[in-house]
Amino acid sequence: MTEEKIRPSHLMRESDKIQKREIKKILAYSNKFLEVPCPACESDSFSFFFKKDGFTFVLCKKCETVFINPRPDFDILRDFYENSELLKYWNEKIFTDSEDYRRCQIFIPRAEKVIALCKIHNASNKVFVDIGAGFGTFCEEVIKLSFFDKVMAVEPSSYLAKTCRTKGINVIEKPIENVELGEASVITSFELIEHLFRPKHFLLACKNRLVKGGLFILSTPNVKGFEMSVLGKLSNGFRGPNHLNYFHPKSLCHLLEYVGFEIVEVLTPGKLDAELVRNKIQKGVLNSLSCPGLNYFLIDNWKNVGKTFQRFISDNKLSSHLWVVVKKIDAK
């Protein structure tokens, strides 16, 4: 898998222009931004981490979660996503242009992995719900595997919900907190929790919509992973207001246990950490001269050791792409 194939550079240039315009609009409301406690442990003790694109990133002194603080309030964020020119552009251009590649490299393996996890952990196959279904490709692949009796998508964005419907997917166009769907056997949520003003409320809503023993599988950036640790503020993953919360395995597991889940498995199946850092070096954005090891693995010997190095990162829970699998253990 390559960055260019999933985020074509000729389209990303326009995406970056749109994002800058949207950032300017939302920063116009900065006088209404709110101070919040740590989204993982709710500590009020944090220190300045860095500033980027007008947003302040802080580091929790207790659990080392990174988060934007102060941040746009819930209403500002809701309006941002409901009227996002950027989401519309990704829906019409980037997702469309890269769908075949994403399907093969991301969504087919993801669907197979989710079902494998369900079988390993004896999850019921009655009702499957994907929250933040986006372009709908993942749900399409889940449906094709015919494992679940019923597959549903939850997608608040009108642009993306419409796309899901054109693919024949049963989609609910609301935030999960406002959805009444009975009890789900399995819920997935990929690359969503980092966007949310209230991650704890979201997790509670997911838990309350699961059957006892139901699985919840989520993914998010790992702020202590290789790519984000090496690049720091140079990482494209650090981008407000889209991403507000930056967890790591320990802090996310703490939050999940706090709301009542049992941790089943922690994975970092990322495939792009090494390439993303390599690309920054090649573009001259990152000076690697002070760290000869980076040049050895990512430049001088890339053809021979690049894939092996990435596998090492992923297999040892060091990737900046984090999955956590949890189980609902009570009946509430």
Foldseek 3Di string as FASTA:
>chain_A
DAPCLLFPPVLVVVLVVLQLVLLVVLVVVVVQFAFFAALQPRDPDWAFDDDDSRWTWIAHPPAGKIFTPRAHDPVSLVVCQQPPPSLLSCLVPNCVRNVVVCLVPPQLVVLVVVVVVCVVLVFDQEEEEEEQCFLVSNVVNNVVVVRHNAYEYEHQHPSNQVNNVVVVHHYDNDQLLPDDDAAGREYEYEAQLQLDPRSLSSLLSNLVRHAAFGKYKYKHFACQAQQNVQCPVNDPSPDPDRGGIHHHVVSNVSSNVVSAWAWDDKFQQDQCRLVVVLVCVVVVNDDCPVPVVNCVDRPPCVVPCVRVVSCVRGVVRRHRMMMTMIGHHDRD
